[in-house]
Amino acid sequence: MKIDTFTCVWCGLTVSTLAADGRRRNHCPSCLHSRHVLDQAEGGPSECRSRMTPISIAVLRNGDWMVIHRCVRCDTLTSNPVCTDDNQLILMRMAVRPLAQPPFPLEAFGDL
């Protein structure tokens, strides 16, 4: 069985398209960056092919975590499942960012 690989557009790591948990992977497990290869609206290949930056984490109702990516060229947003061997430090940094850097001063809670 041939396992496909790709080179990360951000850190240069050679990545297997098959994650440790057996799922298909489309992002780098080290830096979580990806390439814009699918057109979300059309469902086919994207002509953009630019880098997708991980910007956030979303948690689905069933508890699954998703990495939210934004294309640096066309601003398209996508979501991809977190894989078991993804960089846990980067995942946690993205997950706590809203608490660590709220859009309002925390002192406002003292007035409530």
PDB file of N, CA and C in Angstrom:
ATOM      1  N   MET A   1       0.839  -1.173   0.000  1.00  0.00           N
ATOM      2  CA  MET A   1       0.000   0.000   0.000  1.00  0.00           C
ATOM      3  C   MET A   1       0.894   1.250   0.000  1.00  0.00           C
ATOM      4  N   LYS A   2       0.663   2.160  -0.938  1.00  0.00           N
ATOM      5  CA  LYS A   2       1.437   3.393  -1.034  1.00  0.00           C
ATOM      6  C   LYS A   2       0.776   4.466  -0.174  1.00  0.00           C
ATOM      7  N   ILE A   3       1.572   5.097   0.677  1.00  0.00           N
ATOM      8  CA  ILE A   3       1.068   6.184   1.512  1.00  0.00           C
ATOM      9  C   ILE A   3       1.523   7.491   0.890  1.00  0.00           C
ATOM     10  N   ASP A   4       0.579   8.359   0.570  1.00  0.00           N
ATOM     11  CA  ASP A   4       0.893   9.650  -0.023  1.00  0.00           C
ATOM     12  C   ASP A   4       1.433  10.592   1.036  1.00  0.00           C
ATOM     13  N   THR A   5       2.282  11.513   0.585  1.00  0.00           N
ATOM     14  CA  THR A   5       2.828  12.535   1.470  1.00  0.00           C
ATOM     15  C   THR A   5       2.710  13.893   0.796  1.00  0.00           C
ATOM     16  N   PHE A   6       2.871  14.938   1.593  1.00  0.00           N
ATOM     17  CA  PHE A   6       2.962  16.291   1.059  1.00  0.00           C
ATOM     18  C   PHE A   6       3.969  17.053   1.913  1.00  0.00           C
ATOM     19  N   THR A   7       4.493  18.125   1.364  1.00  0.00           N
ATOM     20  CA  THR A   7       5.422  18.973   2.090  1.00  0.00           C
ATOM     21  C   THR A   7       4.663  20.176   2.625  1.00  0.00           C
ATOM     22  N   CYS A   8       4.829  20.439   3.909  1.00  0.00           N
ATOM     23  CA  CYS A   8       4.133  21.560   4.535  1.00  0.00           C
ATOM     24  C   CYS A   8       4.597  22.876   3.906  1.00  0.00           C
ATOM     25  N   VAL A   9       3.627  23.720   3.559  1.00  0.00           N
ATOM     26  CA  VAL A   9       3.925  25.006   2.925  1.00  0.00           C
ATOM     27  C   VAL A   9       4.493  26.020   3.918  1.00  0.00           C
ATOM     28  N   TRP A  10       4.419  25.747   5.219  1.00  0.00           N
ATOM     29  CA  TRP A  10       4.912  26.688   6.226  1.00  0.00           C
ATOM     30  C   TRP A  10       6.253  26.242   6.808  1.00  0.00           C
ATOM     31  N   CYS A  11       6.317  24.997   7.317  1.00  0.00           N
ATOM     32  CA  CYS A  11       7.536  24.560   8.010  1.00  0.00           C
ATOM     33  C   CYS A  11       8.396  23.596   7.205  1.00  0.00           C
ATOM     34  N   GLY A  12       7.892  23.098   6.074  1.00  0.00           N
ATOM     35  CA  GLY A  12       8.678  22.224   5.211  1.00  0.00           C
ATOM     36  C   GLY A  12       8.703  20.761   5.609  1.00  0.00           C
ATOM     37  N   LEU A  13       7.988  20.376   6.651  1.00  0.00           N
ATOM     38  CA  LEU A  13       7.943  18.988   7.099  1.00  0.00           C
ATOM     39  C   LEU A  13       7.285  18.109   6.036  1.00  0.00           C
ATOM     40  N   THR A  14       7.821  16.914   5.821  1.00  0.00           N
ATOM     41  CA  THR A  14       7.171  15.938   4.945  1.00  0.00           C
ATOM     42  C   THR A  14       6.130  15.210   5.775  1.00  0.00           C
ATOM     43  N   VAL A  15       4.864  15.283   5.337  1.00  0.00           N
ATOM     44  CA  VAL A  15       3.729  14.807   6.125  1.00  0.00           C
ATOM     45  C   VAL A  15       2.994  13.692   5.382  1.00  0.00           C
ATOM     46  N   SER A  16       2.648  12.641   6.096  1.00  0.00           N
ATOM     47  CA  SER A  16       1.830  11.572   5.542  1.00  0.00           C
ATOM     48  C   SER A  16       0.374  12.023   5.496  1.00  0.00           C
ATOM     49  N   THR A  17      -0.324  11.698   4.416  1.00  0.00           N
ATOM     50  CA  THR A  17      -1.744  12.051   4.320  1.00  0.00           C
ATOM     51  C   THR A  17      -2.600  11.149   5.212  1.00  0.00           C
ATOM     52  N   LEU A  18      -1.991  10.130   5.787  1.00  0.00           N
ATOM     53  CA  LEU A  18      -2.691   9.245   6.716  1.00  0.00           C
ATOM     54  C   LEU A  18      -2.203   9.560   8.125  1.00  0.00           C
ATOM     55  N   ALA A  19      -3.100  10.023   8.981  1.00  0.00           N
ATOM     56  CA  ALA A  19      -2.738  10.388  10.354  1.00  0.00           C
ATOM     57  C   ALA A  19      -2.543   9.140  11.204  1.00  0.00           C
ATOM     58  N   ALA A  20      -1.998   9.320  12.390  1.00  0.00           N
ATOM     59  CA  ALA A  20      -1.730   8.204  13.298  1.00  0.00           C
ATOM     60  C   ALA A  20      -3.002   7.440  13.675  1.00  0.00           C
ATOM     61  N   ASP A  21      -4.144   8.150  13.701  1.00  0.00           N
ATOM     62  CA  ASP A  21      -5.407   7.503  14.059  1.00  0.00           C
ATOM     63  C   ASP A  21      -6.114   6.874  12.855  1.00  0.00           C
ATOM     64  N   GLY A  22      -5.470   6.885  11.678  1.00  0.00           N
ATOM     65  CA  GLY A  22      -6.027   6.261  10.483  1.00  0.00           C
ATOM     66  C   GLY A  22      -6.871   7.173   9.625  1.00  0.00           C
ATOM     67  N   ARG A  23      -7.141   8.405  10.090  1.00  0.00           N
ATOM     68  CA  ARG A  23      -7.929   9.347   9.291  1.00  0.00           C
ATOM     69  C   ARG A  23      -7.044  10.013   8.252  1.00  0.00           C
ATOM     70  N   ARG A  24      -7.697  10.515   7.190  1.00  0.00           N
ATOM     71  CA  ARG A  24      -6.956  11.287   6.192  1.00  0.00           C
ATOM     72  C   ARG A  24      -6.648  12.663   6.755  1.00  0.00           C
ATOM     73  N   ARG A  25      -5.454  13.133   6.486  1.00  0.00           N
ATOM     74  CA  ARG A  25      -4.989  14.406   7.000  1.00  0.00           C
ATOM     75  C   ARG A  25      -4.723  15.351   5.831  1.00  0.00           C
ATOM     76  N   ASN A  26      -5.018  16.645   6.043  1.00  0.00           N
ATOM     77  CA  ASN A  26      -4.701  17.639   5.012  1.00  0.00           C
ATOM     78  C   ASN A  26      -3.956  18.833   5.592  1.00  0.00           C
ATOM     79  N   HIS A  27      -3.478  18.712   6.832  1.00  0.00           N
ATOM     80  CA  HIS A  27      -2.707  19.792   7.449  1.00  0.00           C
ATOM     81  C   HIS A  27      -1.492  19.194   8.154  1.00  0.00           C
ATOM     82  N   CYS A  28      -0.504  20.031   8.381  1.00  0.00           N
ATOM     83  CA  CYS A  28       0.737  19.608   9.022  1.00  0.00           C
ATOM     84  C   CYS A  28       0.497  19.362  10.512  1.00  0.00           C
ATOM     85  N   PRO A  29       0.921  18.210  11.049  1.00  0.00           N
ATOM     86  CA  PRO A  29       0.717  17.952  12.476  1.00  0.00           C
ATOM     87  C   PRO A  29       1.631  18.792  13.363  1.00  0.00           C
ATOM     88  N   SER A  30       2.688  19.339  12.802  1.00  0.00           N
ATOM     89  CA  SER A  30       3.641  20.121  13.583  1.00  0.00           C
ATOM     90  C   SER A  30       3.211  21.573  13.749  1.00  0.00           C
ATOM     91  N   CYS A  31       2.864  22.250  12.639  1.00  0.00           N
ATOM     92  CA  CYS A  31       2.511  23.675  12.705  1.00  0.00           C
ATOM     93  C   CYS A  31       1.042  23.940  12.385  1.00  0.00           C
ATOM     94  N   LEU A  32       0.307  22.915  11.947  1.00  0.00           N
ATOM     95  CA  LEU A  32      -1.125  22.943  11.642  1.00  0.00           C
ATOM     96  C   LEU A  32      -1.500  23.748  10.388  1.00  0.00           C
ATOM     97  N   HIS A  33      -0.520  24.215   9.633  1.00  0.00           N
ATOM     98  CA  HIS A  33      -0.817  24.920   8.383  1.00  0.00           C
ATOM     99  C   HIS A  33      -1.243  23.925   7.308  1.00  0.00           C
ATOM    100  N   SER A  34      -1.926  24.427   6.302  1.00  0.00           N
ATOM    101  CA  SER A  34      -2.451  23.598   5.226  1.00  0.00           C
ATOM    102  C   SER A  34      -2.315  24.352   3.912  1.00  0.00           C
ATOM    103  N   ARG A  35      -2.802  23.743   2.840  1.00  0.00           N
ATOM    104  CA  ARG A  35      -2.826  24.401   1.537  1.00  0.00           C
ATOM    105  C   ARG A  35      -4.280  24.440   1.063  1.00  0.00           C
ATOM    106  N   HIS A  36      -4.670  25.540   0.432  1.00  0.00           N
ATOM    107  CA  HIS A  36      -6.034  25.715  -0.063  1.00  0.00           C
ATOM    108  C   HIS A  36      -6.201  24.897  -1.345  1.00  0.00           C
ATOM    109  N   VAL A  37      -6.663  23.667  -1.198  1.00  0.00           N
ATOM    110  CA  VAL A  37      -6.796  22.765  -2.348  1.00  0.00           C
ATOM    111  C   VAL A  37      -8.238  22.461  -2.715  1.00  0.00           C
ATOM    112  N   LEU A  38      -9.182  22.677  -1.796  1.00  0.00           N
ATOM    113  CA  LEU A  38     -10.583  22.390  -2.088  1.00  0.00           C
ATOM    114  C   LEU A  38     -11.399  23.674  -2.115  1.00  0.00           C
ATOM    115  N   ASP A  39     -12.298  23.756  -3.070  1.00  0.00           N
ATOM    116  CA  ASP A  39     -13.233  24.878  -3.160  1.00  0.00           C
ATOM    117  C   ASP A  39     -14.460  24.500  -2.342  1.00  0.00           C
ATOM    118  N   GLN A  40     -14.672  25.181  -1.227  1.00  0.00           N
ATOM    119  CA  GLN A  40     -15.778  24.841  -0.330  1.00  0.00           C
ATOM    120  C   GLN A  40     -17.137  25.016  -1.002  1.00  0.00           C
ATOM    121  N   ALA A  41     -17.297  26.037  -1.830  1.00  0.00           N
ATOM    122  CA  ALA A  41     -18.593  26.301  -2.470  1.00  0.00           C
ATOM    123  C   ALA A  41     -18.878  25.291  -3.581  1.00  0.00           C
ATOM    124  N   GLU A  42     -17.887  25.016  -4.400  1.00  0.00           N
ATOM    125  CA  GLU A  42     -18.071  24.126  -5.546  1.00  0.00           C
ATOM    126  C   GLU A  42     -17.867  22.653  -5.195  1.00  0.00           C
ATOM    127  N   GLY A  43     -17.088  22.379  -4.155  1.00  0.00           N
ATOM    128  CA  GLY A  43     -16.832  21.004  -3.757  1.00  0.00           C
ATOM    129  C   GLY A  43     -15.702  20.335  -4.514  1.00  0.00           C
ATOM    130  N   GLY A  44     -15.125  21.019  -5.484  1.00  0.00           N
ATOM    131  CA  GLY A  44     -14.027  20.456  -6.266  1.00  0.00           C
ATOM    132  C   GLY A  44     -12.703  21.092  -5.899  1.00  0.00           C
ATOM    133  N   PRO A  45     -11.698  20.883  -6.735  1.00  0.00           N
ATOM    134  CA  PRO A  45     -10.385  21.474  -6.456  1.00  0.00           C
ATOM    135  C   PRO A  45     -10.407  22.992  -6.540  1.00  0.00           C
ATOM    136  N   SER A  46      -9.598  23.625  -5.705  1.00  0.00           N
ATOM    137  CA  SER A  46      -9.489  25.076  -5.715  1.00  0.00           C
ATOM    138  C   SER A  46      -8.309  25.490  -6.582  1.00  0.00           C
ATOM    139  N   GLU A  47      -8.469  26.583  -7.300  1.00  0.00           N
ATOM    140  CA  GLU A  47      -7.379  27.103  -8.105  1.00  0.00           C
ATOM    141  C   GLU A  47      -6.444  27.976  -7.267  1.00  0.00           C
ATOM    142  N   CYS A  48      -6.824  28.312  -6.053  1.00  0.00           N
ATOM    143  CA  CYS A  48      -6.064  29.226  -5.204  1.00  0.00           C
ATOM    144  C   CYS A  48      -4.691  28.650  -4.830  1.00  0.00           C
ATOM    145  N   ARG A  49      -4.687  27.466  -4.219  1.00  0.00           N
ATOM    146  CA  ARG A  49      -3.473  26.737  -3.830  1.00  0.00           C
ATOM    147  C   ARG A  49      -2.573  27.492  -2.855  1.00  0.00           C
ATOM    148  N   SER A  50      -3.104  28.492  -2.166  1.00  0.00           N
ATOM    149  CA  SER A  50      -2.305  29.285  -1.234  1.00  0.00           C
ATOM    150  C   SER A  50      -2.264  28.614   0.141  1.00  0.00           C
ATOM    151  N   ARG A  51      -1.517  29.213   1.055  1.00  0.00           N
ATOM    152  CA  ARG A  51      -1.361  28.669   2.402  1.00  0.00           C
ATOM    153  C   ARG A  51      -2.596  28.972   3.242  1.00  0.00           C
ATOM    154  N   MET A  52      -3.000  27.993   4.015  1.00  0.00           N
ATOM    155  CA  MET A  52      -4.102  28.133   4.963  1.00  0.00           C
ATOM    156  C   MET A  52      -3.491  28.195   6.361  1.00  0.00           C
ATOM    157  N   THR A  53      -3.755  29.293   7.071  1.00  0.00           N
ATOM    158  CA  THR A  53      -3.216  29.503   8.411  1.00  0.00           C
ATOM    159  C   THR A  53      -4.230  29.043   9.455  1.00  0.00           C
ATOM    160  N   PRO A  54      -3.786  28.268  10.461  1.00  0.00           N
ATOM    161  CA  PRO A  54      -4.705  27.890  11.535  1.00  0.00           C
ATOM    162  C   PRO A  54      -4.998  29.115  12.395  1.00  0.00           C
ATOM    163  N   ILE A  55      -6.277  29.433  12.574  1.00  0.00           N
ATOM    164  CA  ILE A  55      -6.626  30.642  13.315  1.00  0.00           C
ATOM    165  C   ILE A  55      -7.441  30.374  14.570  1.00  0.00           C
ATOM    166  N   SER A  56      -8.076  29.192  14.650  1.00  0.00           N
ATOM    167  CA  SER A  56      -8.956  28.956  15.789  1.00  0.00           C
ATOM    168  C   SER A  56      -9.283  27.475  15.901  1.00  0.00           C
ATOM    169  N   ILE A  57      -9.966  27.165  16.985  1.00  0.00           N
ATOM    170  CA  ILE A  57     -10.475  25.816  17.242  1.00  0.00           C
ATOM    171  C   ILE A  57     -11.990  25.918  17.395  1.00  0.00           C
ATOM    172  N   ALA A  58     -12.698  24.953  16.855  1.00  0.00           N
ATOM    173  CA  ALA A  58     -14.140  24.844  17.073  1.00  0.00           C
ATOM    174  C   ALA A  58     -14.400  23.461  17.653  1.00  0.00           C
ATOM    175  N   VAL A  59     -15.354  23.380  18.548  1.00  0.00           N
ATOM    176  CA  VAL A  59     -15.734  22.098  19.131  1.00  0.00           C
ATOM    177  C   VAL A  59     -17.160  21.798  18.699  1.00  0.00           C
ATOM    178  N   LEU A  60     -17.326  20.668  18.021  1.00  0.00           N
ATOM    179  CA  LEU A  60     -18.647  20.270  17.538  1.00  0.00           C
ATOM    180  C   LEU A  60     -19.506  19.762  18.694  1.00  0.00           C
ATOM    181  N   ARG A  61     -20.788  19.635  18.466  1.00  0.00           N
ATOM    182  CA  ARG A  61     -21.717  19.160  19.518  1.00  0.00           C
ATOM    183  C   ARG A  61     -21.346  17.774  20.015  1.00  0.00           C
ATOM    184  N   ASN A  62     -20.751  16.961  19.135  1.00  0.00           N
ATOM    185  CA  ASN A  62     -20.375  15.601  19.542  1.00  0.00           C
ATOM    186  C   ASN A  62     -19.032  15.569  20.271  1.00  0.00           C
ATOM    187  N   GLY A  63     -18.397  16.757  20.468  1.00  0.00           N
ATOM    188  CA  GLY A  63     -17.141  16.836  21.202  1.00  0.00           C
ATOM    189  C   GLY A  63     -15.897  16.818  20.336  1.00  0.00           C
ATOM    190  N   ASP A  64     -16.048  16.553  19.040  1.00  0.00           N
ATOM    191  CA  ASP A  64     -14.891  16.552  18.143  1.00  0.00           C
ATOM    192  C   ASP A  64     -14.342  17.961  17.971  1.00  0.00           C
ATOM    193  N   TRP A  65     -13.016  18.078  17.952  1.00  0.00           N
ATOM    194  CA  TRP A  65     -12.351  19.362  17.731  1.00  0.00           C
ATOM    195  C   TRP A  65     -12.040  19.533  16.255  1.00  0.00           C
ATOM    196  N   MET A  66     -12.195  20.766  15.777  1.00  0.00           N
ATOM    197  CA  MET A  66     -11.886  21.109  14.389  1.00  0.00           C
ATOM    198  C   MET A  66     -10.901  22.276  14.381  1.00  0.00           C
ATOM    199  N   VAL A  67      -9.930  22.235  13.465  1.00  0.00           N
ATOM    200  CA  VAL A  67      -9.025  23.366  13.267  1.00  0.00           C
ATOM    201  C   VAL A  67      -9.669  24.260  12.210  1.00  0.00           C
ATOM    202  N   ILE A  68      -9.780  25.538  12.512  1.00  0.00           N
ATOM    203  CA  ILE A  68     -10.313  26.506  11.557  1.00  0.00           C
ATOM    204  C   ILE A  68      -9.125  27.168  10.861  1.00  0.00           C
ATOM    205  N   HIS A  69      -9.120  27.104   9.533  1.00  0.00           N
ATOM    206  CA  HIS A  69      -8.053  27.697   8.729  1.00  0.00           C
ATOM    207  C   HIS A  69      -8.601  28.877   7.921  1.00  0.00           C
ATOM    208  N   ARG A  70      -7.739  29.870   7.693  1.00  0.00           N
ATOM    209  CA  ARG A  70      -8.067  30.993   6.799  1.00  0.00           C
ATOM    210  C   ARG A  70      -6.987  31.056   5.727  1.00  0.00           C
ATOM    211  N   CYS A  71      -7.429  31.168   4.466  1.00  0.00           N
ATOM    212  CA  CYS A  71      -6.501  31.279   3.348  1.00  0.00           C
ATOM    213  C   CYS A  71      -5.852  32.669   3.370  1.00  0.00           C
ATOM    214  N   VAL A  72      -4.524  32.716   3.241  1.00  0.00           N
ATOM    215  CA  VAL A  72      -3.810  33.991   3.276  1.00  0.00           C
ATOM    216  C   VAL A  72      -4.011  34.794   1.987  1.00  0.00           C
ATOM    217  N   ARG A  73      -4.510  34.161   0.954  1.00  0.00           N
ATOM    218  CA  ARG A  73      -4.704  34.846  -0.329  1.00  0.00           C
ATOM    219  C   ARG A  73      -6.138  35.321  -0.538  1.00  0.00           C
ATOM    220  N   CYS A  74      -7.104  34.416  -0.328  1.00  0.00           N
ATOM    221  CA  CYS A  74      -8.499  34.747  -0.665  1.00  0.00           C
ATOM    222  C   CYS A  74      -9.422  34.827   0.552  1.00  0.00           C
ATOM    223  N   ASP A  75      -8.885  34.625   1.760  1.00  0.00           N
ATOM    224  CA  ASP A  75      -9.636  34.712   3.025  1.00  0.00           C
ATOM    225  C   ASP A  75     -10.714  33.649   3.217  1.00  0.00           C
ATOM    226  N   THR A  76     -10.724  32.601   2.408  1.00  0.00           N
ATOM    227  CA  THR A  76     -11.677  31.509   2.593  1.00  0.00           C
ATOM    228  C   THR A  76     -11.426  30.828   3.937  1.00  0.00           C
ATOM    229  N   LEU A  77     -12.500  30.490   4.643  1.00  0.00           N
ATOM    230  CA  LEU A  77     -12.408  29.753   5.901  1.00  0.00           C
ATOM    231  C   LEU A  77     -12.784  28.299   5.674  1.00  0.00           C
ATOM    232  N   THR A  78     -12.034  27.389   6.301  1.00  0.00           N
ATOM    233  CA  THR A  78     -12.348  25.961   6.237  1.00  0.00           C
ATOM    234  C   THR A  78     -12.201  25.370   7.635  1.00  0.00           C
ATOM    235  N   SER A  79     -12.752  24.199   7.829  1.00  0.00           N
ATOM    236  CA  SER A  79     -12.556  23.471   9.084  1.00  0.00           C
ATOM    237  C   SER A  79     -12.102  22.060   8.761  1.00  0.00           C
ATOM    238  N   ASN A  80     -11.190  21.560   9.583  1.00  0.00           N
ATOM    239  CA  ASN A  80     -10.638  20.219   9.396  1.00  0.00           C
ATOM    240  C   ASN A  80     -10.535  19.534  10.743  1.00  0.00           C
ATOM    241  N   PRO A  81     -10.827  18.237  10.809  1.00  0.00           N
ATOM    242  CA  PRO A  81     -10.758  17.540  12.093  1.00  0.00           C
ATOM    243  C   PRO A  81      -9.344  17.537  12.668  1.00  0.00           C
ATOM    244  N   VAL A  82      -9.248  17.682  13.985  1.00  0.00           N
ATOM    245  CA  VAL A  82      -7.976  17.552  14.680  1.00  0.00           C
ATOM    246  C   VAL A  82      -7.595  16.079  14.670  1.00  0.00           C
ATOM    247  N   CYS A  83      -6.326  15.797  14.418  1.00  0.00           N
ATOM    248  CA  CYS A  83      -5.821  14.427  14.430  1.00  0.00           C
ATOM    249  C   CYS A  83      -5.099  14.174  15.753  1.00  0.00           C
ATOM    250  N   THR A  84      -5.012  12.929  16.147  1.00  0.00           N
ATOM    251  CA  THR A  84      -4.440  12.587  17.450  1.00  0.00           C
ATOM    252  C   THR A  84      -2.981  12.983  17.597  1.00  0.00           C
ATOM    253  N   ASP A  85      -2.255  13.097  16.488  1.00  0.00           N
ATOM    254  CA  ASP A  85      -0.834  13.456  16.575  1.00  0.00           C
ATOM    255  C   ASP A  85      -0.563  14.921  16.241  1.00  0.00           C
ATOM    256  N   ASP A  86      -1.615  15.753  16.205  1.00  0.00           N
ATOM    257  CA  ASP A  86      -1.426  17.187  15.977  1.00  0.00           C
ATOM    258  C   ASP A  86      -0.727  17.820  17.184  1.00  0.00           C
ATOM    259  N   ASN A  87      -0.025  18.908  16.939  1.00  0.00           N
ATOM    260  CA  ASN A  87       0.731  19.621  17.967  1.00  0.00           C
ATOM    261  C   ASN A  87      -0.225  20.129  19.055  1.00  0.00           C
ATOM    262  N   GLN A  88      -0.162  19.495  20.221  1.00  0.00           N
ATOM    263  CA  GLN A  88      -1.093  19.807  21.305  1.00  0.00           C
ATOM    264  C   GLN A  88      -0.877  21.196  21.887  1.00  0.00           C
ATOM    265  N   LEU A  89       0.358  21.674  21.883  1.00  0.00           N
ATOM    266  CA  LEU A  89       0.637  23.009  22.406  1.00  0.00           C
ATOM    267  C   LEU A  89      -0.036  24.080  21.547  1.00  0.00           C
ATOM    268  N   ILE A  90       0.074  23.965  20.230  1.00  0.00           N
ATOM    269  CA  ILE A  90      -0.573  24.938  19.336  1.00  0.00           C
ATOM    270  C   ILE A  90      -2.088  24.845  19.462  1.00  0.00           C
ATOM    271  N   LEU A  91      -2.623  23.633  19.548  1.00  0.00           N
ATOM    272  CA  LEU A  91      -4.074  23.462  19.704  1.00  0.00           C
ATOM    273  C   LEU A  91      -4.569  24.146  20.973  1.00  0.00           C
ATOM    274  N   MET A  92      -3.868  23.951  22.090  1.00  0.00           N
ATOM    275  CA  MET A  92      -4.297  24.558  23.351  1.00  0.00           C
ATOM    276  C   MET A  92      -4.137  26.075  23.317  1.00  0.00           C
ATOM    277  N   ARG A  93      -3.073  26.568  22.685  1.00  0.00           N
ATOM    278  CA  ARG A  93      -2.910  28.025  22.559  1.00  0.00           C
ATOM    279  C   ARG A  93      -4.095  28.638  21.824  1.00  0.00           C
ATOM    280  N   MET A  94      -4.521  27.996  20.731  1.00  0.00           N
ATOM    281  CA  MET A  94      -5.658  28.519  19.978  1.00  0.00           C
ATOM    282  C   MET A  94      -6.948  28.403  20.785  1.00  0.00           C
ATOM    283  N   ALA A  95      -7.088  27.325  21.547  1.00  0.00           N
ATOM    284  CA  ALA A  95      -8.314  27.107  22.315  1.00  0.00           C
ATOM    285  C   ALA A  95      -8.471  28.130  23.443  1.00  0.00           C
ATOM    286  N   VAL A  96      -7.375  28.538  24.087  1.00  0.00           N
ATOM    287  CA  VAL A  96      -7.479  29.467  25.216  1.00  0.00           C
ATOM    288  C   VAL A  96      -7.297  30.927  24.816  1.00  0.00           C
ATOM    289  N   ARG A  97      -6.941  31.184  23.562  1.00  0.00           N
ATOM    290  CA  ARG A  97      -6.717  32.571  23.131  1.00  0.00           C
ATOM    291  C   ARG A  97      -7.887  33.495  23.454  1.00  0.00           C
ATOM    292  N   PRO A  98      -9.139  33.094  23.234  1.00  0.00           N
ATOM    293  CA  PRO A  98     -10.244  34.010  23.582  1.00  0.00           C
ATOM    294  C   PRO A  98     -10.286  34.365  25.073  1.00  0.00           C
ATOM    295  N   LEU A  99      -9.848  33.448  25.932  1.00  0.00           N
ATOM    296  CA  LEU A  99      -9.827  33.738  27.371  1.00  0.00           C
ATOM    297  C   LEU A  99      -8.612  34.564  27.761  1.00  0.00           C
ATOM    298  N   ALA A 100      -7.489  34.325  27.086  1.00  0.00           N
ATOM    299  CA  ALA A 100      -6.254  35.032  27.410  1.00  0.00           C
ATOM    300  C   ALA A 100      -6.233  36.447  26.835  1.00  0.00           C
ATOM    301  N   GLN A 101      -6.943  36.654  25.725  1.00  0.00           N
ATOM    302  CA  GLN A 101      -6.971  37.961  25.069  1.00  0.00           C
ATOM    303  C   GLN A 101      -8.415  38.343  24.735  1.00  0.00           C
ATOM    304  N   PRO A 102      -9.233  38.616  25.763  1.00  0.00           N
ATOM    305  CA  PRO A 102     -10.638  38.957  25.492  1.00  0.00           C
ATOM    306  C   PRO A 102     -10.739  40.302  24.777  1.00  0.00           C
ATOM    307  N   PRO A 103     -11.819  40.517  24.040  1.00  0.00           N
ATOM    308  CA  PRO A 103     -11.984  41.762  23.281  1.00  0.00           C
ATOM    309  C   PRO A 103     -12.456  42.940  24.149  1.00  0.00           C
ATOM    310  N   PHE A 104     -12.450  42.755  25.451  1.00  0.00           N
ATOM    311  CA  PHE A 104     -12.881  43.794  26.383  1.00  0.00           C
ATOM    312  C   PHE A 104     -11.973  43.716  27.609  1.00  0.00           C
ATOM    313  N   PRO A 105     -11.870  44.786  28.384  1.00  0.00           N
ATOM    314  CA  PRO A 105     -11.023  44.744  29.582  1.00  0.00           C
ATOM    315  C   PRO A 105     -11.649  43.869  30.670  1.00  0.00           C
ATOM    316  N   LEU A 106     -10.853  42.992  31.251  1.00  0.00           N
ATOM    317  CA  LEU A 106     -11.361  42.109  32.307  1.00  0.00           C
ATOM    318  C   LEU A 106     -11.807  42.874  33.535  1.00  0.00           C
ATOM    319  N   GLU A 107     -11.303  44.088  33.705  1.00  0.00           N
ATOM    320  CA  GLU A 107     -11.705  44.917  34.844  1.00  0.00           C
ATOM    321  C   GLU A 107     -13.207  45.230  34.804  1.00  0.00           C
ATOM    322  N   ALA A 108     -13.820  45.124  33.649  1.00  0.00           N
ATOM    323  CA  ALA A 108     -15.249  45.394  33.512  1.00  0.00           C
ATOM    324  C   ALA A 108     -16.079  44.444  34.381  1.00  0.00           C
ATOM    325  N   PHE A 109     -15.562  43.258  34.677  1.00  0.00           N
ATOM    326  CA  PHE A 109     -16.299  42.316  35.506  1.00  0.00           C
ATOM    327  C   PHE A 109     -16.436  42.803  36.946  1.00  0.00           C
ATOM    328  N   GLY A 110     -15.505  43.635  37.385  1.00  0.00           N
ATOM    329  CA  GLY A 110     -15.566  44.157  38.738  1.00  0.00           C
ATOM    330  C   GLY A 110     -16.755  45.088  38.953  1.00  0.00           C
ATOM    331  N   ASP A 111     -17.280  45.680  37.890  1.00  0.00           N
ATOM    332  CA  ASP A 111     -18.403  46.613  37.994  1.00  0.00           C
ATOM    333  C   ASP A 111     -19.766  45.928  37.927  1.00  0.00           C
ATOM    334  N   LEU A 112     -19.781  44.635  37.681  1.00  0.00           N
ATOM    335  CA  LEU A 112     -21.067  43.931  37.536  1.00  0.00           C
ATOM    336  C   LEU A 112     -21.688  43.578  38.853  1.00  0.00           C
TER     337      LEU A 112
END
